[in-house]
Amino acid sequence: MPRYDLKKYSGQRFIKPDHVREEPLRDTIVGVQEGKFGKLELLFESGDILSLNGTNTGTLRNAYGRDSDKLVGKEIEMFLGTIRYAGTDNPAVLVRPITPGPKPDMDDEIPF
């Protein structure tokens, strides 16, 4: 009998706060795509997807720069946090870079 990879047939899973409520998740980014509502989505080795909010986009930009291609191959941790929206704190999946970002170029001139 042939063997089948069940992940292939299980569809996509978007990571939500309940997925990281008990413990953080770590995964490696394999791609970035534009999702619904003008937000970027991270695609992971596991097949999972994370829709980026503004907070997470800023965290990743600060760690890895402005080019989305530089996110590919980076490991991140996703954990439960809160973000304020419309004056209310809401549970949210937040990200923490695990793979170190680029080192600053020490040859760059510092403007005075």
Protein backbone atom coordinates (compact mmCIF):
# COMPACT_ATOMS: atom_id res chain seq x y z
CA MET A 1 0.00 0.00 0.00
CA PRO A 2 1.26 3.51 -0.74
CA ARG A 3 2.10 5.98 2.05
CA TYR A 4 0.61 9.46 2.15
CA ASP A 5 1.73 12.65 3.85
CA LEU A 6 -1.39 13.75 5.73
CA LYS A 7 -0.20 17.36 5.88
CA LYS A 8 -0.72 17.57 2.13
CA TYR A 9 -4.41 16.82 2.60
CA SER A 10 -5.13 18.75 5.80
CA GLY A 11 -5.30 22.28 4.38
CA GLN A 12 -3.68 25.44 5.66
CA ARG A 13 -3.62 26.39 9.32
CA PHE A 14 -3.46 30.04 10.28
CA ILE A 15 -1.75 30.46 13.64
CA LYS A 16 -4.10 32.06 16.18
CA PRO A 17 -3.72 32.99 19.88
CA ASP A 18 -5.14 29.63 21.00
CA HIS A 19 -2.28 27.84 19.20
CA VAL A 20 0.33 29.56 21.43
CA ARG A 21 -1.72 29.88 24.65
CA GLU A 22 -0.03 26.93 26.41
CA GLU A 23 3.47 27.34 25.01
CA PRO A 24 5.30 29.29 22.29
CA LEU A 25 5.83 27.83 18.83
CA ARG A 26 9.07 28.00 16.86
CA ASP A 27 9.21 27.64 13.11
CA THR A 28 11.33 28.65 10.13
CA ILE A 29 10.03 31.06 7.50
CA VAL A 30 10.03 29.62 3.98
CA GLY A 31 8.17 32.43 2.23
CA VAL A 32 6.23 35.67 2.47
CA GLN A 33 3.08 36.50 0.54
CA GLU A 34 0.51 39.25 0.49
CA GLY A 35 -2.65 38.08 2.20
CA LYS A 36 -6.07 39.54 2.72
CA PHE A 37 -6.64 43.12 3.80
CA GLY A 38 -3.19 44.23 2.63
CA LYS A 39 -1.34 42.28 5.34
CA LEU A 40 1.67 40.08 4.78
CA GLU A 41 1.58 36.40 5.64
CA LEU A 42 4.53 34.32 6.75
CA LEU A 43 4.71 30.78 5.37
CA PHE A 44 6.49 28.24 7.57
CA GLU A 45 8.27 24.91 7.10
CA SER A 46 5.42 23.27 9.02
CA GLY A 47 2.93 24.51 6.43
CA ASP A 48 1.37 26.92 8.92
CA ILE A 49 0.72 30.56 8.10
CA LEU A 50 0.86 33.69 10.28
CA SER A 51 -0.89 36.86 9.18
CA LEU A 52 1.29 39.77 10.31
CA ASN A 53 -0.14 42.67 12.27
CA GLY A 54 1.65 46.01 12.39
CA THR A 55 3.43 45.16 15.65
CA ASN A 56 4.93 41.95 14.26
CA THR A 57 5.83 43.58 10.95
CA GLY A 58 7.79 46.22 12.88
CA THR A 59 9.53 43.61 15.04
CA LEU A 60 10.69 41.67 11.98
CA ARG A 61 11.72 44.83 10.10
CA ASN A 62 13.83 45.93 13.08
CA ALA A 63 15.51 42.52 13.28
CA TYR A 64 16.04 41.72 9.59
CA GLY A 65 15.56 44.88 7.54
CA ARG A 66 12.95 46.09 5.09
CA ASP A 67 13.32 43.42 2.38
CA SER A 68 10.86 40.52 2.84
CA ASP A 69 13.29 38.14 1.07
CA LYS A 70 15.62 38.49 4.09
CA LEU A 71 12.99 36.77 6.27
CA VAL A 72 13.29 33.47 4.39
CA GLY A 73 15.30 30.94 6.38
CA LYS A 74 14.91 32.81 9.66
CA GLU A 75 13.58 31.02 12.73
CA ILE A 76 11.11 32.92 14.88
CA GLU A 77 9.17 32.20 18.03
CA MET A 78 5.45 32.93 18.25
CA PHE A 79 3.97 33.55 21.69
CA LEU A 80 0.79 34.85 23.30
CA GLY A 81 0.73 38.58 23.98
CA THR A 82 -1.68 41.48 23.80
CA ILE A 83 -2.13 44.37 21.43
CA ARG A 84 -4.33 47.41 21.89
CA TYR A 85 -6.95 47.91 19.22
CA ALA A 86 -9.75 50.48 19.41
CA GLY A 87 -8.89 51.17 23.05
CA THR A 88 -9.13 47.53 24.12
CA ASP A 89 -6.37 45.01 24.89
CA ASN A 90 -6.79 41.89 22.75
CA PRO A 91 -4.93 38.56 22.77
CA ALA A 92 -2.56 38.26 19.84
CA VAL A 93 0.22 36.09 18.47
CA LEU A 94 3.45 38.07 18.80
CA VAL A 95 6.80 37.18 17.26
CA ARG A 96 10.33 37.08 18.61
CA PRO A 97 13.31 36.68 16.22
CA ILE A 98 15.47 33.66 17.06
CA THR A 99 17.91 33.70 14.14
CA PRO A 100 20.24 36.69 14.60
CA GLY A 101 19.78 39.60 12.22
CA PRO A 102 22.47 41.18 10.05
CA LYS A 103 25.36 42.83 11.79
CA PRO A 104 25.64 46.58 11.26
CA ASP A 105 28.23 47.60 8.69
CA MET A 106 30.95 49.28 10.73
CA ASP A 107 32.28 51.00 7.62
CA ASP A 108 29.14 53.13 7.26
CA GLU A 109 29.71 56.77 8.06
CA ILE A 110 27.73 58.19 10.95
CA PRO A 111 26.24 61.58 10.10
CA PHE A 112 26.83 64.36 12.62
